Amino acid sequence: MSSLSSMTDLALIVAFAAVGLSQIMAMVRLVMGPCVGDRILAIDTMAINGIALIVLLGMAGHTQMYFEGALLFAMLGFVSTVAYARFVLRGDIIE
């Protein structure tokens, strides 16, 4: 039983490192993006990585409260990405 727990802990550590590295790379793309579309995709990727970090925190803390927060953050991330894209394409969010 303890080896399973240590394997889970090791998997969580590797997952935190991978998502953290992905978050850093998306942040670099946000700063150095050659066009606005790349920056919008970088913001969306950062939102997805944030959701992954929230879920990993829930798994590490053995609680389900983080999963509800991750769902709310996912909905807000999707709406904000659509709003950014509409603003870039049309110059106005609400028609």
PDB file of N, CA and C in Angstrom:
ATOM      1  N   MET A   1       0.824  -1.193   0.000  1.00  0.00           N
ATOM      2  CA  MET A   1       0.000   0.000   0.000  1.00  0.00           C
ATOM      3  C   MET A   1       0.869   1.257   0.000  1.00  0.00           C
ATOM      4  N   SER A   2       1.974   1.220   0.722  1.00  0.00           N
ATOM      5  CA  SER A   2       2.809   2.423   0.795  1.00  0.00           C
ATOM      6  C   SER A   2       3.538   2.682  -0.523  1.00  0.00           C
ATOM      7  N   SER A   3       3.835   1.627  -1.291  1.00  0.00           N
ATOM      8  CA  SER A   3       4.490   1.857  -2.573  1.00  0.00           C
ATOM      9  C   SER A   3       3.530   2.517  -3.563  1.00  0.00           C
ATOM     10  N   LEU A   4       2.245   2.178  -3.462  1.00  0.00           N
ATOM     11  CA  LEU A   4       1.256   2.826  -4.315  1.00  0.00           C
ATOM     12  C   LEU A   4       1.138   4.306  -3.973  1.00  0.00           C
ATOM     13  N   SER A   5       1.190   4.619  -2.700  1.00  0.00           N
ATOM     14  CA  SER A   5       1.126   6.011  -2.271  1.00  0.00           C
ATOM     15  C   SER A   5       2.360   6.778  -2.739  1.00  0.00           C
ATOM     16  N   SER A   6       3.524   6.153  -2.651  1.00  0.00           N
ATOM     17  CA  SER A   6       4.735   6.848  -3.086  1.00  0.00           C
ATOM     18  C   SER A   6       4.748   7.018  -4.602  1.00  0.00           C
ATOM     19  N   MET A   7       4.174   6.049  -5.341  1.00  0.00           N
ATOM     20  CA  MET A   7       4.078   6.201  -6.790  1.00  0.00           C
ATOM     21  C   MET A   7       3.123   7.339  -7.153  1.00  0.00           C
ATOM     22  N   THR A   8       2.034   7.451  -6.414  1.00  0.00           N
ATOM     23  CA  THR A   8       1.097   8.545  -6.650  1.00  0.00           C
ATOM     24  C   THR A   8       1.746   9.885  -6.334  1.00  0.00           C
ATOM     25  N   ASP A   9       2.497   9.943  -5.249  1.00  0.00           N
ATOM     26  CA  ASP A   9       3.198  11.181  -4.903  1.00  0.00           C
ATOM     27  C   ASP A   9       4.224  11.549  -5.967  1.00  0.00           C
ATOM     28  N   LEU A  10       4.945  10.556  -6.473  1.00  0.00           N
ATOM     29  CA  LEU A  10       5.923  10.812  -7.530  1.00  0.00           C
ATOM     30  C   LEU A  10       5.227  11.285  -8.803  1.00  0.00           C
ATOM     31  N   ALA A  11       4.100  10.671  -9.144  1.00  0.00           N
ATOM     32  CA  ALA A  11       3.345  11.094 -10.332  1.00  0.00           C
ATOM     33  C   ALA A  11       2.830  12.517 -10.176  1.00  0.00           C
ATOM     34  N   LEU A  12       2.389  12.886  -8.975  1.00  0.00           N
ATOM     35  CA  LEU A  12       1.935  14.265  -8.744  1.00  0.00           C
ATOM     36  C   LEU A  12       3.081  15.257  -8.880  1.00  0.00           C
ATOM     37  N   ILE A  13       4.249  14.907  -8.382  1.00  0.00           N
ATOM     38  CA  ILE A  13       5.408  15.799  -8.490  1.00  0.00           C
ATOM     39  C   ILE A  13       5.788  16.001  -9.953  1.00  0.00           C
ATOM     40  N   VAL A  14       5.815  14.910 -10.719  1.00  0.00           N
ATOM     41  CA  VAL A  14       6.142  15.013 -12.148  1.00  0.00           C
ATOM     42  C   VAL A  14       5.071  15.823 -12.875  1.00  0.00           C
ATOM     43  N   ALA A  15       3.814  15.613 -12.537  1.00  0.00           N
ATOM     44  CA  ALA A  15       2.727  16.361 -13.183  1.00  0.00           C
ATOM     45  C   ALA A  15       2.808  17.850 -12.853  1.00  0.00           C
ATOM     46  N   PHE A  16       3.088  18.189 -11.583  1.00  0.00           N
ATOM     47  CA  PHE A  16       3.256  19.605 -11.222  1.00  0.00           C
ATOM     48  C   PHE A  16       4.400  20.231 -12.002  1.00  0.00           C
ATOM     49  N   ALA A  17       5.507  19.505 -12.139  1.00  0.00           N
ATOM     50  CA  ALA A  17       6.657  20.038 -12.876  1.00  0.00           C
ATOM     51  C   ALA A  17       6.323  20.233 -14.354  1.00  0.00           C
ATOM     52  N   ALA A  18       5.629  19.261 -14.949  1.00  0.00           N
ATOM     53  CA  ALA A  18       5.294  19.355 -16.372  1.00  0.00           C
ATOM     54  C   ALA A  18       4.323  20.501 -16.642  1.00  0.00           C
ATOM     55  N   VAL A  19       3.309  20.630 -15.808  1.00  0.00           N
ATOM     56  CA  VAL A  19       2.331  21.711 -16.009  1.00  0.00           C
ATOM     57  C   VAL A  19       2.970  23.068 -15.713  1.00  0.00           C
ATOM     58  N   GLY A  20       3.837  23.116 -14.716  1.00  0.00           N
ATOM     59  CA  GLY A  20       4.541  24.362 -14.428  1.00  0.00           C
ATOM     60  C   GLY A  20       5.443  24.792 -15.575  1.00  0.00           C
ATOM     61  N   LEU A  21       6.153  23.836 -16.172  1.00  0.00           N
ATOM     62  CA  LEU A  21       6.996  24.139 -17.329  1.00  0.00           C
ATOM     63  C   LEU A  21       6.144  24.597 -18.510  1.00  0.00           C
ATOM     64  N   SER A  22       5.018  23.954 -18.704  1.00  0.00           N
ATOM     65  CA  SER A  22       4.104  24.352 -19.767  1.00  0.00           C
ATOM     66  C   SER A  22       3.563  25.762 -19.536  1.00  0.00           C
ATOM     67  N   GLN A  23       3.300  26.094 -18.289  1.00  0.00           N
ATOM     68  CA  GLN A  23       2.817  27.439 -17.961  1.00  0.00           C
ATOM     69  C   GLN A  23       3.895  28.482 -18.273  1.00  0.00           C
ATOM     70  N   ILE A  24       5.130  28.175 -17.963  1.00  0.00           N
ATOM     71  CA  ILE A  24       6.228  29.099 -18.255  1.00  0.00           C
ATOM     72  C   ILE A  24       6.395  29.281 -19.762  1.00  0.00           C
ATOM     73  N   MET A  25       6.310  28.183 -20.516  1.00  0.00           N
ATOM     74  CA  MET A  25       6.451  28.293 -21.967  1.00  0.00           C
ATOM     75  C   MET A  25       5.298  29.092 -22.583  1.00  0.00           C
ATOM     76  N   ALA A  26       4.104  28.940 -22.060  1.00  0.00           N
ATOM     77  CA  ALA A  26       2.977  29.731 -22.560  1.00  0.00           C
ATOM     78  C   ALA A  26       3.154  31.207 -22.216  1.00  0.00           C
ATOM     79  N   MET A  27       3.730  31.473 -21.054  1.00  0.00           N
ATOM     80  CA  MET A  27       3.978  32.860 -20.677  1.00  0.00           C
ATOM     81  C   MET A  27       5.021  33.506 -21.591  1.00  0.00           C
ATOM     82  N   VAL A  28       6.028  32.735 -21.976  1.00  0.00           N
ATOM     83  CA  VAL A  28       7.023  33.244 -22.927  1.00  0.00           C
ATOM     84  C   VAL A  28       6.359  33.541 -24.269  1.00  0.00           C
ATOM     85  N   ARG A  29       5.458  32.663 -24.722  1.00  0.00           N
ATOM     86  CA  ARG A  29       4.754  32.902 -25.977  1.00  0.00           C
ATOM     87  C   ARG A  29       3.848  34.126 -25.871  1.00  0.00           C
ATOM     88  N   LEU A  30       3.291  34.364 -24.684  1.00  0.00           N
ATOM     89  CA  LEU A  30       2.445  35.535 -24.483  1.00  0.00           C
ATOM     90  C   LEU A  30       3.260  36.813 -24.626  1.00  0.00           C
ATOM     91  N   VAL A  31       4.462  36.804 -24.097  1.00  0.00           N
ATOM     92  CA  VAL A  31       5.298  37.999 -24.148  1.00  0.00           C
ATOM     93  C   VAL A  31       5.927  38.177 -25.527  1.00  0.00           C
ATOM     94  N   MET A  32       6.393  37.077 -26.134  1.00  0.00           N
ATOM     95  CA  MET A  32       7.148  37.182 -27.381  1.00  0.00           C
ATOM     96  C   MET A  32       6.324  36.852 -28.623  1.00  0.00           C
ATOM     97  N   GLY A  33       5.022  36.665 -28.471  1.00  0.00           N
ATOM     98  CA  GLY A  33       4.190  36.272 -29.609  1.00  0.00           C
ATOM     99  C   GLY A  33       4.296  37.265 -30.746  1.00  0.00           C
ATOM    100  N   PRO A  34       4.486  36.764 -31.972  1.00  0.00           N
ATOM    101  CA  PRO A  34       4.627  37.701 -33.089  1.00  0.00           C
ATOM    102  C   PRO A  34       3.321  38.384 -33.490  1.00  0.00           C
ATOM    103  N   CYS A  35       2.183  37.775 -33.189  1.00  0.00           N
ATOM    104  CA  CYS A  35       0.924  38.414 -33.568  1.00  0.00           C
ATOM    105  C   CYS A  35      -0.096  38.253 -32.433  1.00  0.00           C
ATOM    106  N   VAL A  36      -1.205  38.928 -32.591  1.00  0.00           N
ATOM    107  CA  VAL A  36      -2.229  38.936 -31.552  1.00  0.00           C
ATOM    108  C   VAL A  36      -2.854  37.557 -31.379  1.00  0.00           C
ATOM    109  N   GLY A  37      -3.021  36.817 -32.476  1.00  0.00           N
ATOM    110  CA  GLY A  37      -3.598  35.481 -32.399  1.00  0.00           C
ATOM    111  C   GLY A  37      -2.772  34.543 -31.537  1.00  0.00           C
ATOM    112  N   ASP A  38      -1.448  34.646 -31.650  1.00  0.00           N
ATOM    113  CA  ASP A  38      -0.577  33.826 -30.809  1.00  0.00           C
ATOM    114  C   ASP A  38      -0.733  34.190 -29.338  1.00  0.00           C
ATOM    115  N   ARG A  39      -0.908  35.450 -29.064  1.00  0.00           N
ATOM    116  CA  ARG A  39      -1.079  35.876 -27.675  1.00  0.00           C
ATOM    117  C   ARG A  39      -2.412  35.397 -27.099  1.00  0.00           C
ATOM    118  N   ILE A  40      -3.459  35.413 -27.907  1.00  0.00           N
ATOM    119  CA  ILE A  40      -4.755  34.910 -27.444  1.00  0.00           C
ATOM    120  C   ILE A  40      -4.665  33.415 -27.152  1.00  0.00           C
ATOM    121  N   LEU A  41      -4.008  32.668 -28.029  1.00  0.00           N
ATOM    122  CA  LEU A  41      -3.835  31.235 -27.786  1.00  0.00           C
ATOM    123  C   LEU A  41      -2.977  30.976 -26.558  1.00  0.00           C
ATOM    124  N   ALA A  42      -1.985  31.828 -26.318  1.00  0.00           N
ATOM    125  CA  ALA A  42      -1.157  31.667 -25.122  1.00  0.00           C
ATOM    126  C   ALA A  42      -1.974  31.914 -23.856  1.00  0.00           C
ATOM    127  N   ILE A  43      -2.870  32.899 -23.888  1.00  0.00           N
ATOM    128  CA  ILE A  43      -3.736  33.148 -22.729  1.00  0.00           C
ATOM    129  C   ILE A  43      -4.660  31.961 -22.492  1.00  0.00           C
ATOM    130  N   ASP A  44      -5.205  31.396 -23.574  1.00  0.00           N
ATOM    131  CA  ASP A  44      -6.072  30.231 -23.437  1.00  0.00           C
ATOM    132  C   ASP A  44      -5.287  29.035 -22.893  1.00  0.00           C
ATOM    133  N   THR A  45      -4.069  28.848 -23.373  1.00  0.00           N
ATOM    134  CA  THR A  45      -3.226  27.766 -22.866  1.00  0.00           C
ATOM    135  C   THR A  45      -2.898  27.966 -21.395  1.00  0.00           C
ATOM    136  N   MET A  46      -2.667  29.197 -20.999  1.00  0.00           N
ATOM    137  CA  MET A  46      -2.390  29.470 -19.588  1.00  0.00           C
ATOM    138  C   MET A  46      -3.614  29.191 -18.726  1.00  0.00           C
ATOM    139  N   ALA A  47      -4.797  29.460 -19.247  1.00  0.00           N
ATOM    140  CA  ALA A  47      -6.026  29.141 -18.504  1.00  0.00           C
ATOM    141  C   ALA A  47      -6.174  27.629 -18.346  1.00  0.00           C
ATOM    142  N   ILE A  48      -5.887  26.879 -19.408  1.00  0.00           N
ATOM    143  CA  ILE A  48      -5.966  25.425 -19.339  1.00  0.00           C
ATOM    144  C   ILE A  48      -4.937  24.879 -18.355  1.00  0.00           C
ATOM    145  N   ASN A  49      -3.735  25.438 -18.380  1.00  0.00           N
ATOM    146  CA  ASN A  49      -2.710  25.018 -17.422  1.00  0.00           C
ATOM    147  C   ASN A  49      -3.116  25.367 -15.991  1.00  0.00           C
ATOM    148  N   GLY A  50      -3.778  26.500 -15.816  1.00  0.00           N
ATOM    149  CA  GLY A  50      -4.281  26.856 -14.486  1.00  0.00           C
ATOM    150  C   GLY A  50      -5.315  25.866 -13.996  1.00  0.00           C
ATOM    151  N   ILE A  51      -6.173  25.419 -14.911  1.00  0.00           N
ATOM    152  CA  ILE A  51      -7.164  24.402 -14.552  1.00  0.00           C
ATOM    153  C   ILE A  51      -6.465  23.118 -14.137  1.00  0.00           C
ATOM    154  N   ALA A  52      -5.434  22.734 -14.884  1.00  0.00           N
ATOM    155  CA  ALA A  52      -4.686  21.521 -14.542  1.00  0.00           C
ATOM    156  C   ALA A  52      -4.022  21.653 -13.174  1.00  0.00           C
ATOM    157  N   LEU A  53      -3.482  22.826 -12.874  1.00  0.00           N
ATOM    158  CA  LEU A  53      -2.863  23.026 -11.557  1.00  0.00           C
ATOM    159  C   LEU A  53      -3.894  22.943 -10.436  1.00  0.00           C
ATOM    160  N   ILE A  54      -5.079  23.479 -10.670  1.00  0.00           N
ATOM    161  CA  ILE A  54      -6.134  23.407  -9.647  1.00  0.00           C
ATOM    162  C   ILE A  54      -6.536  21.952  -9.410  1.00  0.00           C
ATOM    163  N   VAL A  55      -6.675  21.180 -10.487  1.00  0.00           N
ATOM    164  CA  VAL A  55      -7.038  19.768 -10.341  1.00  0.00           C
ATOM    165  C   VAL A  55      -5.932  19.003  -9.619  1.00  0.00           C
ATOM    166  N   LEU A  56      -4.671  19.293  -9.947  1.00  0.00           N
ATOM    167  CA  LEU A  56      -3.556  18.629  -9.271  1.00  0.00           C
ATOM    168  C   LEU A  56      -3.510  18.988  -7.789  1.00  0.00           C
ATOM    169  N   LEU A  57      -3.829  20.226  -7.463  1.00  0.00           N
ATOM    170  CA  LEU A  57      -3.895  20.606  -6.050  1.00  0.00           C
ATOM    171  C   LEU A  57      -4.997  19.837  -5.331  1.00  0.00           C
ATOM    172  N   GLY A  58      -6.120  19.633  -6.007  1.00  0.00           N
ATOM    173  CA  GLY A  58      -7.197  18.843  -5.420  1.00  0.00           C
ATOM    174  C   GLY A  58      -6.787  17.398  -5.204  1.00  0.00           C
ATOM    175  N   MET A  59      -6.050  16.855  -6.150  1.00  0.00           N
ATOM    176  CA  MET A  59      -5.574  15.482  -5.992  1.00  0.00           C
ATOM    177  C   MET A  59      -4.554  15.372  -4.875  1.00  0.00           C
ATOM    178  N   ALA A  60      -3.674  16.358  -4.776  1.00  0.00           N
ATOM    179  CA  ALA A  60      -2.649  16.320  -3.730  1.00  0.00           C
ATOM    180  C   ALA A  60      -3.260  16.531  -2.353  1.00  0.00           C
ATOM    181  N   GLY A  61      -4.304  17.339  -2.263  1.00  0.00           N
ATOM    182  CA  GLY A  61      -4.936  17.620  -0.982  1.00  0.00           C
ATOM    183  C   GLY A  61      -6.041  16.668  -0.609  1.00  0.00           C
ATOM    184  N   HIS A  62      -6.365  15.723  -1.495  1.00  0.00           N
ATOM    185  CA  HIS A  62      -7.416  14.734  -1.250  1.00  0.00           C
ATOM    186  C   HIS A  62      -8.757  15.390  -0.927  1.00  0.00           C
ATOM    187  N   THR A  63      -9.098  16.424  -1.692  1.00  0.00           N
ATOM    188  CA  THR A  63     -10.374  17.101  -1.503  1.00  0.00           C
ATOM    189  C   THR A  63     -11.033  17.346  -2.854  1.00  0.00           C
ATOM    190  N   GLN A  64     -12.354  17.434  -2.846  1.00  0.00           N
ATOM    191  CA  GLN A  64     -13.088  17.631  -4.093  1.00  0.00           C
ATOM    192  C   GLN A  64     -13.491  19.082  -4.326  1.00  0.00           C
ATOM    193  N   MET A  65     -13.210  19.950  -3.394  1.00  0.00           N
ATOM    194  CA  MET A  65     -13.590  21.355  -3.545  1.00  0.00           C
ATOM    195  C   MET A  65     -12.853  22.016  -4.711  1.00  0.00           C
ATOM    196  N   TYR A  66     -11.648  21.587  -4.976  1.00  0.00           N
ATOM    197  CA  TYR A  66     -10.869  22.192  -6.051  1.00  0.00           C
ATOM    198  C   TYR A  66     -11.461  21.870  -7.428  1.00  0.00           C
ATOM    199  N   PHE A  67     -12.111  20.732  -7.553  1.00  0.00           N
ATOM    200  CA  PHE A  67     -12.666  20.351  -8.840  1.00  0.00           C
ATOM    201  C   PHE A  67     -13.809  21.270  -9.250  1.00  0.00           C
ATOM    202  N   GLU A  68     -14.611  21.702  -8.301  1.00  0.00           N
ATOM    203  CA  GLU A  68     -15.669  22.658  -8.613  1.00  0.00           C
ATOM    204  C   GLU A  68     -15.075  24.000  -9.030  1.00  0.00           C
ATOM    205  N   GLY A  69     -14.017  24.397  -8.360  1.00  0.00           N
ATOM    206  CA  GLY A  69     -13.327  25.621  -8.747  1.00  0.00           C
ATOM    207  C   GLY A  69     -12.720  25.514 -10.132  1.00  0.00           C
ATOM    208  N   ALA A  70     -12.211  24.337 -10.461  1.00  0.00           N
ATOM    209  CA  ALA A  70     -11.638  24.129 -11.787  1.00  0.00           C
ATOM    210  C   ALA A  70     -12.713  24.227 -12.866  1.00  0.00           C
ATOM    211  N   LEU A  71     -13.907  23.723 -12.588  1.00  0.00           N
ATOM    212  CA  LEU A  71     -14.998  23.835 -13.549  1.00  0.00           C
ATOM    213  C   LEU A  71     -15.411  25.290 -13.771  1.00  0.00           C
ATOM    214  N   LEU A  72     -15.494  26.044 -12.698  1.00  0.00           N
ATOM    215  CA  LEU A  72     -15.822  27.464 -12.833  1.00  0.00           C
ATOM    216  C   LEU A  72     -14.743  28.213 -13.606  1.00  0.00           C
ATOM    217  N   PHE A  73     -13.489  27.905 -13.305  1.00  0.00           N
ATOM    218  CA  PHE A  73     -12.376  28.550 -13.999  1.00  0.00           C
ATOM    219  C   PHE A  73     -12.370  28.167 -15.474  1.00  0.00           C
ATOM    220  N   ALA A  74     -12.756  26.937 -15.797  1.00  0.00           N
ATOM    221  CA  ALA A  74     -12.819  26.504 -17.192  1.00  0.00           C
ATOM    222  C   ALA A  74     -13.887  27.282 -17.957  1.00  0.00           C
ATOM    223  N   MET A  75     -15.045  27.478 -17.328  1.00  0.00           N
ATOM    224  CA  MET A  75     -16.097  28.244 -17.999  1.00  0.00           C
ATOM    225  C   MET A  75     -15.668  29.693 -18.225  1.00  0.00           C
ATOM    226  N   LEU A  76     -15.056  30.303 -17.225  1.00  0.00           N
ATOM    227  CA  LEU A  76     -14.589  31.681 -17.384  1.00  0.00           C
ATOM    228  C   LEU A  76     -13.477  31.783 -18.426  1.00  0.00           C
ATOM    229  N   GLY A  77     -12.599  30.796 -18.460  1.00  0.00           N
ATOM    230  CA  GLY A  77     -11.520  30.790 -19.446  1.00  0.00           C
ATOM    231  C   GLY A  77     -12.047  30.699 -20.864  1.00  0.00           C
ATOM    232  N   PHE A  78     -13.064  29.863 -21.067  1.00  0.00           N
ATOM    233  CA  PHE A  78     -13.645  29.733 -22.397  1.00  0.00           C
ATOM    234  C   PHE A  78     -14.321  31.028 -22.834  1.00  0.00           C
ATOM    235  N   VAL A  79     -15.096  31.618 -21.952  1.00  0.00           N
ATOM    236  CA  VAL A  79     -15.803  32.856 -22.297  1.00  0.00           C
ATOM    237  C   VAL A  79     -14.815  33.986 -22.569  1.00  0.00           C
ATOM    238  N   SER A  80     -13.753  34.068 -21.785  1.00  0.00           N
ATOM    239  CA  SER A  80     -12.777  35.138 -22.013  1.00  0.00           C
ATOM    240  C   SER A  80     -12.024  34.938 -23.318  1.00  0.00           C
ATOM    241  N   THR A  81     -11.725  33.709 -23.692  1.00  0.00           N
ATOM    242  CA  THR A  81     -11.055  33.461 -24.968  1.00  0.00           C
ATOM    243  C   THR A  81     -11.954  33.855 -26.136  1.00  0.00           C
ATOM    244  N   VAL A  82     -13.219  33.512 -26.055  1.00  0.00           N
ATOM    245  CA  VAL A  82     -14.157  33.891 -27.113  1.00  0.00           C
ATOM    246  C   VAL A  82     -14.290  35.409 -27.190  1.00  0.00           C
ATOM    247  N   ALA A  83     -14.326  36.067 -26.041  1.00  0.00           N
ATOM    248  CA  ALA A  83     -14.440  37.537 -26.031  1.00  0.00           C
ATOM    249  C   ALA A  83     -13.203  38.187 -26.634  1.00  0.00           C
ATOM    250  N   TYR A  84     -12.023  37.690 -26.295  1.00  0.00           N
ATOM    251  CA  TYR A  84     -10.792  38.236 -26.888  1.00  0.00           C
ATOM    252  C   TYR A  84     -10.785  38.051 -28.396  1.00  0.00           C
ATOM    253  N   ALA A  85     -11.151  36.860 -28.841  1.00  0.00           N
ATOM    254  CA  ALA A  85     -11.140  36.586 -30.280  1.00  0.00           C
ATOM    255  C   ALA A  85     -12.141  37.462 -31.023  1.00  0.00           C
ATOM    256  N   ARG A  86     -13.330  37.641 -30.459  1.00  0.00           N
ATOM    257  CA  ARG A  86     -14.333  38.501 -31.110  1.00  0.00           C
ATOM    258  C   ARG A  86     -13.864  39.947 -31.145  1.00  0.00           C
ATOM    259  N   PHE A  87     -13.208  40.392 -30.090  1.00  0.00           N
ATOM    260  CA  PHE A  87     -12.714  41.768 -30.068  1.00  0.00           C
ATOM    261  C   PHE A  87     -11.643  41.982 -31.127  1.00  0.00           C
ATOM    262  N   VAL A  88     -10.755  41.006 -31.283  1.00  0.00           N
ATOM    263  CA  VAL A  88      -9.696  41.138 -32.280  1.00  0.00           C
ATOM    264  C   VAL A  88     -10.271  41.092 -33.694  1.00  0.00           C
ATOM    265  N   LEU A  89     -11.224  40.206 -33.937  1.00  0.00           N
ATOM    266  CA  LEU A  89     -11.776  40.063 -35.268  1.00  0.00           C
ATOM    267  C   LEU A  89     -12.707  41.210 -35.668  1.00  0.00           C
ATOM    268  N   ARG A  90     -13.560  41.662 -34.728  1.00  0.00           N
ATOM    269  CA  ARG A  90     -14.590  42.642 -35.082  1.00  0.00           C
ATOM    270  C   ARG A  90     -14.405  44.012 -34.447  1.00  0.00           C
ATOM    271  N   GLY A  91     -13.593  44.092 -33.423  1.00  0.00           N
ATOM    272  CA  GLY A  91     -13.406  45.366 -32.744  1.00  0.00           C
ATOM    273  C   GLY A  91     -14.471  45.661 -31.722  1.00  0.00           C
ATOM    274  N   ASP A  92     -15.438  44.763 -31.581  1.00  0.00           N
ATOM    275  CA  ASP A  92     -16.519  44.945 -30.625  1.00  0.00           C
ATOM    276  C   ASP A  92     -16.914  43.574 -30.097  1.00  0.00           C
ATOM    277  N   ILE A  93     -17.237  43.515 -28.828  1.00  0.00           N
ATOM    278  CA  ILE A  93     -17.582  42.231 -28.221  1.00  0.00           C
ATOM    279  C   ILE A  93     -19.064  41.969 -28.335  1.00  0.00           C
ATOM    280  N   ILE A  94     -19.870  42.980 -28.038  1.00  0.00           N
ATOM    281  CA  ILE A  94     -21.333  42.836 -28.069  1.00  0.00           C
ATOM    282  C   ILE A  94     -21.856  43.531 -29.304  1.00  0.00           C
ATOM    283  N   GLU A  95     -22.675  42.820 -30.050  1.00  0.00           N
ATOM    284  CA  GLU A  95     -23.220  43.407 -31.292  1.00  0.00           C
ATOM    285  C   GLU A  95     -24.538  44.065 -31.036  1.00  0.00           C
TER     286      GLU A  95
END
